[in-house]
Amino acid sequence: MIKRENRSDFIEQILSKCPSLLLQTNAKGQTPLHVAARYGHSAIVKLLIKSCAKARDGDLEKLEMDQVTAGREMLRITDQESNTALHVAAEYGDVETVEGLLKLEDPDFLYSANTNQETPPYIAARSGDAGVLSILLKKSKSTAHGGPHGRTVLHAAAMGEDEEATRIILQKEGNLTKEGDEDGRTPLHYAAHLGCISVVEELLKWDVSAAYIGDTKRGMTLLEQSQQQQVICSRTK
């Protein structure tokens, strides 16, 4: 087995002889960058991005690309489920790897959604990784942070009953408290339904007016939803 400290040197030697391997994909359509991101190999992630600029003789099928252009090209390659390496890193939660991927990316670049309609910030919030989520929201100016069924990253935090993630998101995107999903349900609706008092309090602390927003499916506000739950609980006692 190759020792961790020698792994980067070994990969660098391979790429120097066959740089086309940078874009070689496996059965899932994943490049070496996807795989490195999945396993949290931050040093290898940085090496792969750096090596991308050194490719010559058409190995990347694009000649005369500078380091930034070449690196961003590789960062945006998607696998069969439309995941970039950043999607994968957000899922598996390695802060240093995420930082390495974002270092070269355009801060204004809009995150793409994968086949599950999830963006990297949404994945991080769903996975309960506040550290990765904080970096994604801090390092990028992108407003693309949605998920399936019209949900936002704040919905994901509320559904995960994650108070810390909720607080981080509110500090960056406080306007999301009023955003409803396809059924008009706000993050507050989900937090209340799950009985997560800490998240409910965090959301109301930021914007108490969200309590008066009704969903489009039942037309119920947070107060009406709470009253209904109390009635149901009393009848089951």
C-alpha atoms as a PDB file:
ATOM      1  CA  MET A   1       0.000   0.000   0.000  1.00  0.00           C
ATOM      2  CA  ILE A   2       1.247   3.474  -0.873  1.00  0.00           C
ATOM      3  CA  LYS A   3       1.868   5.620   2.190  1.00  0.00           C
ATOM      4  CA  ARG A   4      -0.251   8.735   2.434  1.00  0.00           C
ATOM      5  CA  GLU A   5       2.776  11.073   2.293  1.00  0.00           C
ATOM      6  CA  ASN A   6       3.951   9.421  -0.942  1.00  0.00           C
ATOM      7  CA  ARG A   7       0.549   9.223  -2.596  1.00  0.00           C
ATOM      8  CA  SER A   8       0.655  12.701  -4.131  1.00  0.00           C
ATOM      9  CA  ASP A   9       4.158  12.138  -5.522  1.00  0.00           C
ATOM     10  CA  PHE A  10       3.052   8.839  -7.044  1.00  0.00           C
ATOM     11  CA  ILE A  11       0.026  10.426  -8.730  1.00  0.00           C
ATOM     12  CA  GLU A  12       2.111  13.348  -9.962  1.00  0.00           C
ATOM     13  CA  GLN A  13       4.540  10.934 -11.627  1.00  0.00           C
ATOM     14  CA  ILE A  14       1.691   9.107 -13.346  1.00  0.00           C
ATOM     15  CA  LEU A  15       0.145  12.351 -14.623  1.00  0.00           C
ATOM     16  CA  SER A  16       3.486  13.589 -15.943  1.00  0.00           C
ATOM     17  CA  LYS A  17       3.621  10.518 -18.183  1.00  0.00           C
ATOM     18  CA  CYS A  18      -0.071  10.338 -19.046  1.00  0.00           C
ATOM     19  CA  PRO A  19      -1.899  13.647 -18.406  1.00  0.00           C
ATOM     20  CA  SER A  20      -4.964  12.442 -20.306  1.00  0.00           C
ATOM     21  CA  LEU A  21      -5.872  10.406 -17.202  1.00  0.00           C
ATOM     22  CA  LEU A  22      -7.052  13.665 -15.634  1.00  0.00           C
ATOM     23  CA  LEU A  23     -10.261  13.394 -17.614  1.00  0.00           C
ATOM     24  CA  GLN A  24     -10.570   9.622 -17.651  1.00  0.00           C
ATOM     25  CA  THR A  25     -13.924   8.596 -16.191  1.00  0.00           C
ATOM     26  CA  ASN A  26     -15.062   5.461 -14.413  1.00  0.00           C
ATOM     27  CA  ALA A  27     -18.330   3.555 -14.907  1.00  0.00           C
ATOM     28  CA  LYS A  28     -20.213   6.292 -13.044  1.00  0.00           C
ATOM     29  CA  GLY A  29     -18.795   9.037 -15.216  1.00  0.00           C
ATOM     30  CA  GLN A  30     -16.569  10.284 -12.392  1.00  0.00           C
ATOM     31  CA  THR A  31     -13.150  11.802 -12.989  1.00  0.00           C
ATOM     32  CA  PRO A  32     -10.199  11.385 -10.594  1.00  0.00           C
ATOM     33  CA  LEU A  33     -11.242  14.740  -9.109  1.00  0.00           C
ATOM     34  CA  HIS A  34     -14.660  13.327  -8.167  1.00  0.00           C
ATOM     35  CA  VAL A  35     -13.021  10.344  -6.474  1.00  0.00           C
ATOM     36  CA  ALA A  36     -10.488  12.467  -4.592  1.00  0.00           C
ATOM     37  CA  ALA A  37     -13.303  14.744  -3.401  1.00  0.00           C
ATOM     38  CA  ARG A  38     -15.331  11.783  -2.177  1.00  0.00           C
ATOM     39  CA  TYR A  39     -12.540  10.455  -0.001  1.00  0.00           C
ATOM     40  CA  GLY A  40     -11.442  13.847   1.284  1.00  0.00           C
ATOM     41  CA  HIS A  41      -7.975  13.747  -0.265  1.00  0.00           C
ATOM     42  CA  SER A  42      -7.491  17.523  -0.251  1.00  0.00           C
ATOM     43  CA  ALA A  43      -3.820  17.370  -1.266  1.00  0.00           C
ATOM     44  CA  ILE A  44      -4.670  15.272  -4.301  1.00  0.00           C
ATOM     45  CA  VAL A  45      -7.553  17.590  -5.200  1.00  0.00           C
ATOM     46  CA  LYS A  46      -5.102  20.496  -5.297  1.00  0.00           C
ATOM     47  CA  LEU A  47      -2.610  18.436  -7.286  1.00  0.00           C
ATOM     48  CA  LEU A  48      -5.186  17.436  -9.906  1.00  0.00           C
ATOM     49  CA  ILE A  49      -6.318  21.026 -10.395  1.00  0.00           C
ATOM     50  CA  LYS A  50      -2.728  22.194 -10.673  1.00  0.00           C
ATOM     51  CA  SER A  51      -1.823  19.388 -13.081  1.00  0.00           C
ATOM     52  CA  CYS A  52      -4.708  20.303 -15.345  1.00  0.00           C
ATOM     53  CA  ALA A  53      -2.885  23.450 -16.431  1.00  0.00           C
ATOM     54  CA  LYS A  54       0.251  21.484 -17.327  1.00  0.00           C
ATOM     55  CA  ALA A  55      -1.434  19.203 -19.842  1.00  0.00           C
ATOM     56  CA  ARG A  56      -0.160  19.610 -23.372  1.00  0.00           C
ATOM     57  CA  ASP A  57      -0.525  18.163 -26.848  1.00  0.00           C
ATOM     58  CA  GLY A  58      -4.301  18.134 -26.772  1.00  0.00           C
ATOM     59  CA  ASP A  59      -4.622  15.874 -23.760  1.00  0.00           C
ATOM     60  CA  LEU A  60      -7.426  18.088 -22.496  1.00  0.00           C
ATOM     61  CA  GLU A  61      -8.703  18.594 -26.052  1.00  0.00           C
ATOM     62  CA  LYS A  62      -8.237  22.310 -25.533  1.00  0.00           C
ATOM     63  CA  LEU A  63      -4.897  23.911 -26.341  1.00  0.00           C
ATOM     64  CA  GLU A  64      -3.431  27.085 -24.876  1.00  0.00           C
ATOM     65  CA  MET A  65      -5.703  27.217 -21.846  1.00  0.00           C
ATOM     66  CA  ASP A  66      -4.279  29.033 -18.855  1.00  0.00           C
ATOM     67  CA  GLN A  67      -4.336  27.527 -15.370  1.00  0.00           C
ATOM     68  CA  VAL A  68      -7.555  29.201 -14.261  1.00  0.00           C
ATOM     69  CA  THR A  69      -9.506  28.297 -17.385  1.00  0.00           C
ATOM     70  CA  ALA A  70      -8.222  24.723 -17.434  1.00  0.00           C
ATOM     71  CA  GLY A  71      -8.879  24.234 -13.739  1.00  0.00           C
ATOM     72  CA  ARG A  72     -12.420  25.581 -13.914  1.00  0.00           C
ATOM     73  CA  GLU A  73     -13.133  23.394 -16.901  1.00  0.00           C
ATOM     74  CA  MET A  74     -12.294  20.313 -14.866  1.00  0.00           C
ATOM     75  CA  LEU A  75     -14.128  21.558 -11.755  1.00  0.00           C
ATOM     76  CA  ARG A  76     -17.367  21.769 -13.742  1.00  0.00           C
ATOM     77  CA  ILE A  77     -17.287  18.271 -15.243  1.00  0.00           C
ATOM     78  CA  THR A  78     -20.324  16.297 -14.108  1.00  0.00           C
ATOM     79  CA  ASP A  79     -20.817  12.568 -13.613  1.00  0.00           C
ATOM     80  CA  GLN A  80     -23.826  10.504 -14.679  1.00  0.00           C
ATOM     81  CA  GLU A  81     -25.926  12.036 -11.893  1.00  0.00           C
ATOM     82  CA  SER A  82     -24.839  15.573 -12.835  1.00  0.00           C
ATOM     83  CA  ASN A  83     -22.620  15.893  -9.770  1.00  0.00           C
ATOM     84  CA  THR A  84     -19.514  18.045  -9.972  1.00  0.00           C
ATOM     85  CA  ALA A  85     -16.624  17.329  -7.616  1.00  0.00           C
ATOM     86  CA  LEU A  86     -18.034  20.065  -5.374  1.00  0.00           C
ATOM     87  CA  HIS A  87     -21.362  18.211  -5.080  1.00  0.00           C
ATOM     88  CA  VAL A  88     -19.444  15.124  -4.002  1.00  0.00           C
ATOM     89  CA  ALA A  89     -17.288  17.021  -1.501  1.00  0.00           C
ATOM     90  CA  ALA A  90     -20.394  18.644   0.004  1.00  0.00           C
ATOM     91  CA  GLU A  91     -21.952  15.201   0.451  1.00  0.00           C
ATOM     92  CA  TYR A  92     -18.954  13.685   2.213  1.00  0.00           C
ATOM     93  CA  GLY A  93     -18.111  16.780   4.220  1.00  0.00           C
ATOM     94  CA  ASP A  94     -14.394  17.541   4.098  1.00  0.00           C
ATOM     95  CA  VAL A  95     -13.770  21.238   4.755  1.00  0.00           C
ATOM     96  CA  GLU A  96     -10.240  21.353   3.334  1.00  0.00           C
ATOM     97  CA  THR A  97     -11.323  19.605   0.142  1.00  0.00           C
ATOM     98  CA  VAL A  98     -14.209  22.030  -0.367  1.00  0.00           C
ATOM     99  CA  GLU A  99     -11.864  24.970   0.170  1.00  0.00           C
ATOM    100  CA  GLY A 100      -9.463  23.537  -2.419  1.00  0.00           C
ATOM    101  CA  LEU A 101     -12.229  23.190  -4.987  1.00  0.00           C
ATOM    102  CA  LEU A 102     -13.566  26.697  -4.406  1.00  0.00           C
ATOM    103  CA  LYS A 103     -10.173  28.389  -4.494  1.00  0.00           C
ATOM    104  CA  LEU A 104     -10.018  28.399  -8.282  1.00  0.00           C
ATOM    105  CA  GLU A 105     -13.735  28.637  -9.051  1.00  0.00           C
ATOM    106  CA  ASP A 106     -15.382  31.882 -10.132  1.00  0.00           C
ATOM    107  CA  PRO A 107     -17.202  33.305  -7.059  1.00  0.00           C
ATOM    108  CA  ASP A 108     -20.073  34.344  -9.340  1.00  0.00           C
ATOM    109  CA  PHE A 109     -20.449  30.920 -10.943  1.00  0.00           C
ATOM    110  CA  LEU A 110     -23.954  29.530 -10.400  1.00  0.00           C
ATOM    111  CA  TYR A 111     -23.989  26.118  -8.783  1.00  0.00           C
ATOM    112  CA  SER A 112     -25.628  23.562 -11.017  1.00  0.00           C
ATOM    113  CA  ALA A 113     -28.188  21.121  -9.649  1.00  0.00           C
ATOM    114  CA  ASN A 114     -27.687  17.377  -9.968  1.00  0.00           C
ATOM    115  CA  THR A 115     -30.312  14.903 -11.154  1.00  0.00           C
ATOM    116  CA  ASN A 116     -31.927  15.091  -7.698  1.00  0.00           C
ATOM    117  CA  GLN A 117     -32.195  18.859  -8.175  1.00  0.00           C
ATOM    118  CA  GLU A 118     -29.720  19.452  -5.349  1.00  0.00           C
ATOM    119  CA  THR A 119     -27.021  22.132  -5.334  1.00  0.00           C
ATOM    120  CA  PRO A 120     -23.839  21.806  -3.212  1.00  0.00           C
ATOM    121  CA  PRO A 121     -25.107  24.106  -0.403  1.00  0.00           C
ATOM    122  CA  TYR A 122     -28.383  22.181  -0.220  1.00  0.00           C
ATOM    123  CA  ILE A 123     -26.474  18.890   0.003  1.00  0.00           C
ATOM    124  CA  ALA A 124     -24.277  20.241   2.820  1.00  0.00           C
ATOM    125  CA  ALA A 125     -27.334  21.442   4.756  1.00  0.00           C
ATOM    126  CA  ARG A 126     -29.148  18.146   4.196  1.00  0.00           C
ATOM    127  CA  SER A 127     -26.075  16.231   5.347  1.00  0.00           C
ATOM    128  CA  GLY A 128     -25.852  18.312   8.513  1.00  0.00           C
ATOM    129  CA  ASP A 129     -22.345  19.587   7.823  1.00  0.00           C
ATOM    130  CA  ALA A 130     -22.319  23.139   9.144  1.00  0.00           C
ATOM    131  CA  GLY A 131     -18.595  23.598   8.480  1.00  0.00           C
ATOM    132  CA  VAL A 132     -18.832  22.832   4.773  1.00  0.00           C
ATOM    133  CA  LEU A 133     -22.069  24.797   4.481  1.00  0.00           C
ATOM    134  CA  SER A 134     -20.462  27.862   6.043  1.00  0.00           C
ATOM    135  CA  ILE A 135     -17.586  27.769   3.557  1.00  0.00           C
ATOM    136  CA  LEU A 136     -19.888  27.315   0.567  1.00  0.00           C
ATOM    137  CA  LEU A 137     -22.002  30.313   1.554  1.00  0.00           C
ATOM    138  CA  LYS A 138     -18.991  32.441   2.462  1.00  0.00           C
ATOM    139  CA  LYS A 139     -16.707  31.753  -0.496  1.00  0.00           C
ATOM    140  CA  SER A 140     -19.284  32.005  -3.245  1.00  0.00           C
ATOM    141  CA  LYS A 141     -21.593  34.827  -4.306  1.00  0.00           C
ATOM    142  CA  SER A 142     -23.874  32.343  -6.042  1.00  0.00           C
ATOM    143  CA  THR A 143     -27.550  32.532  -5.123  1.00  0.00           C
ATOM    144  CA  ALA A 144     -28.140  29.010  -6.443  1.00  0.00           C
ATOM    145  CA  HIS A 145     -28.770  26.991  -3.308  1.00  0.00           C
ATOM    146  CA  GLY A 146     -31.943  25.096  -4.015  1.00  0.00           C
ATOM    147  CA  GLY A 147     -33.108  21.530  -3.790  1.00  0.00           C
ATOM    148  CA  PRO A 148     -35.980  19.348  -5.009  1.00  0.00           C
ATOM    149  CA  HIS A 149     -39.634  20.414  -4.950  1.00  0.00           C
ATOM    150  CA  GLY A 150     -38.759  24.089  -4.875  1.00  0.00           C
ATOM    151  CA  ARG A 151     -37.033  23.866  -1.515  1.00  0.00           C
ATOM    152  CA  THR A 152     -34.150  26.088  -0.476  1.00  0.00           C
ATOM    153  CA  VAL A 153     -31.061  25.398   1.593  1.00  0.00           C
ATOM    154  CA  LEU A 154     -32.971  26.754   4.602  1.00  0.00           C
ATOM    155  CA  HIS A 155     -35.664  24.129   4.068  1.00  0.00           C
ATOM    156  CA  ALA A 156     -32.952  21.464   4.173  1.00  0.00           C
ATOM    157  CA  ALA A 157     -31.593  22.769   7.471  1.00  0.00           C
ATOM    158  CA  ALA A 158     -35.065  22.950   9.000  1.00  0.00           C
ATOM    159  CA  MET A 159     -35.966  19.468   7.801  1.00  0.00           C
ATOM    160  CA  GLY A 160     -32.708  18.204   9.289  1.00  0.00           C
ATOM    161  CA  GLU A 161     -33.577  19.908  12.590  1.00  0.00           C
ATOM    162  CA  ASP A 162     -30.181  21.584  12.472  1.00  0.00           C
ATOM    163  CA  GLU A 163     -30.092  24.744  14.572  1.00  0.00           C
ATOM    164  CA  GLU A 164     -26.467  25.598  13.731  1.00  0.00           C
ATOM    165  CA  ALA A 165     -26.973  25.249   9.984  1.00  0.00           C
ATOM    166  CA  THR A 166     -30.156  27.319  10.240  1.00  0.00           C
ATOM    167  CA  ARG A 167     -28.276  30.119  11.987  1.00  0.00           C
ATOM    168  CA  ILE A 168     -25.455  30.072   9.414  1.00  0.00           C
ATOM    169  CA  ILE A 169     -27.896  30.306   6.524  1.00  0.00           C
ATOM    170  CA  LEU A 170     -29.918  33.108   8.092  1.00  0.00           C
ATOM    171  CA  GLN A 171     -26.791  35.223   8.560  1.00  0.00           C
ATOM    172  CA  LYS A 172     -26.090  34.932   4.826  1.00  0.00           C
ATOM    173  CA  GLU A 173     -29.565  34.581   3.302  1.00  0.00           C
ATOM    174  CA  GLY A 174     -32.080  35.912   5.819  1.00  0.00           C
ATOM    175  CA  ASN A 175     -34.692  36.484   3.124  1.00  0.00           C
ATOM    176  CA  LEU A 176     -35.189  32.726   2.762  1.00  0.00           C
ATOM    177  CA  THR A 177     -37.502  32.604   5.790  1.00  0.00           C
ATOM    178  CA  LYS A 178     -40.434  33.550   3.580  1.00  0.00           C
ATOM    179  CA  GLU A 179     -39.532  31.283   0.661  1.00  0.00           C
ATOM    180  CA  GLY A 180     -42.066  28.508   0.161  1.00  0.00           C
ATOM    181  CA  ASP A 181     -41.597  25.219  -1.684  1.00  0.00           C
ATOM    182  CA  GLU A 182     -43.948  23.871  -4.357  1.00  0.00           C
ATOM    183  CA  ASP A 183     -46.661  23.546  -1.700  1.00  0.00           C
ATOM    184  CA  GLY A 184     -45.974  26.975  -0.282  1.00  0.00           C
ATOM    185  CA  ARG A 185     -44.458  25.505   2.864  1.00  0.00           C
ATOM    186  CA  THR A 186     -41.728  27.632   4.421  1.00  0.00           C
ATOM    187  CA  PRO A 187     -38.825  26.316   6.503  1.00  0.00           C
ATOM    188  CA  LEU A 188     -40.859  27.325   9.553  1.00  0.00           C
ATOM    189  CA  HIS A 189     -43.698  25.001   8.518  1.00  0.00           C
ATOM    190  CA  TYR A 190     -41.282  22.054   8.416  1.00  0.00           C
ATOM    191  CA  ALA A 191     -39.559  22.886  11.695  1.00  0.00           C
ATOM    192  CA  ALA A 192     -42.916  23.236  13.457  1.00  0.00           C
ATOM    193  CA  HIS A 193     -44.255  20.027  11.934  1.00  0.00           C
ATOM    194  CA  LEU A 194     -41.187  18.157  13.188  1.00  0.00           C
ATOM    195  CA  GLY A 195     -41.507  19.751  16.603  1.00  0.00           C
ATOM    196  CA  CYS A 196     -37.980  21.148  16.475  1.00  0.00           C
ATOM    197  CA  ILE A 197     -38.373  24.037  18.914  1.00  0.00           C
ATOM    198  CA  SER A 198     -34.768  25.260  18.626  1.00  0.00           C
ATOM    199  CA  VAL A 199     -35.050  25.755  14.859  1.00  0.00           C
ATOM    200  CA  VAL A 200     -38.513  27.313  15.189  1.00  0.00           C
ATOM    201  CA  GLU A 201     -37.151  29.809  17.713  1.00  0.00           C
ATOM    202  CA  GLU A 202     -34.162  30.605  15.484  1.00  0.00           C
ATOM    203  CA  LEU A 203     -36.409  31.270  12.487  1.00  0.00           C
ATOM    204  CA  LEU A 204     -38.872  33.416  14.467  1.00  0.00           C
ATOM    205  CA  LYS A 205     -36.024  35.335  16.063  1.00  0.00           C
ATOM    206  CA  TRP A 206     -34.906  36.320  12.580  1.00  0.00           C
ATOM    207  CA  ASP A 207     -38.338  36.989  11.074  1.00  0.00           C
ATOM    208  CA  VAL A 208     -41.477  36.657  13.176  1.00  0.00           C
ATOM    209  CA  SER A 209     -43.692  37.594  10.216  1.00  0.00           C
ATOM    210  CA  ALA A 210     -42.986  34.149   8.717  1.00  0.00           C
ATOM    211  CA  ALA A 211     -45.427  32.745  11.282  1.00  0.00           C
ATOM    212  CA  TYR A 212     -48.298  34.342   9.367  1.00  0.00           C
ATOM    213  CA  ILE A 213     -47.525  32.768   5.989  1.00  0.00           C
ATOM    214  CA  GLY A 214     -49.911  30.008   4.966  1.00  0.00           C
ATOM    215  CA  ASP A 215     -49.025  27.137   2.671  1.00  0.00           C
ATOM    216  CA  THR A 216     -50.786  26.835  -0.671  1.00  0.00           C
ATOM    217  CA  LYS A 217     -51.899  23.268  -0.133  1.00  0.00           C
ATOM    218  CA  ARG A 218     -53.909  23.736   3.072  1.00  0.00           C
ATOM    219  CA  GLY A 219     -53.680  27.476   3.581  1.00  0.00           C
ATOM    220  CA  MET A 220     -52.409  26.965   7.118  1.00  0.00           C
ATOM    221  CA  THR A 221     -50.079  29.321   8.948  1.00  0.00           C
ATOM    222  CA  LEU A 222     -47.675  28.216  11.667  1.00  0.00           C
ATOM    223  CA  LEU A 223     -50.172  29.190  14.379  1.00  0.00           C
ATOM    224  CA  GLU A 224     -53.013  27.255  12.759  1.00  0.00           C
ATOM    225  CA  GLN A 225     -50.746  24.262  12.207  1.00  0.00           C
ATOM    226  CA  SER A 226     -49.714  24.304  15.870  1.00  0.00           C
ATOM    227  CA  GLN A 227     -53.321  24.518  17.031  1.00  0.00           C
ATOM    228  CA  GLN A 228     -54.288  21.566  14.852  1.00  0.00           C
ATOM    229  CA  GLN A 229     -51.415  19.500  16.263  1.00  0.00           C
ATOM    230  CA  GLN A 230     -52.512  20.320  19.809  1.00  0.00           C
ATOM    231  CA  VAL A 231     -56.067  19.173  19.029  1.00  0.00           C
ATOM    232  CA  ILE A 232     -54.794  15.926  17.505  1.00  0.00           C
ATOM    233  CA  CYS A 233     -52.543  15.280  20.500  1.00  0.00           C
ATOM    234  CA  SER A 234     -55.397  15.914  22.977  1.00  0.00           C
ATOM    235  CA  ARG A 235     -57.667  13.480  21.139  1.00  0.00           C
ATOM    236  CA  THR A 236     -55.060  10.720  21.172  1.00  0.00           C
ATOM    237  CA  LYS A 237     -54.490  10.925  24.923  1.00  0.00           C
END
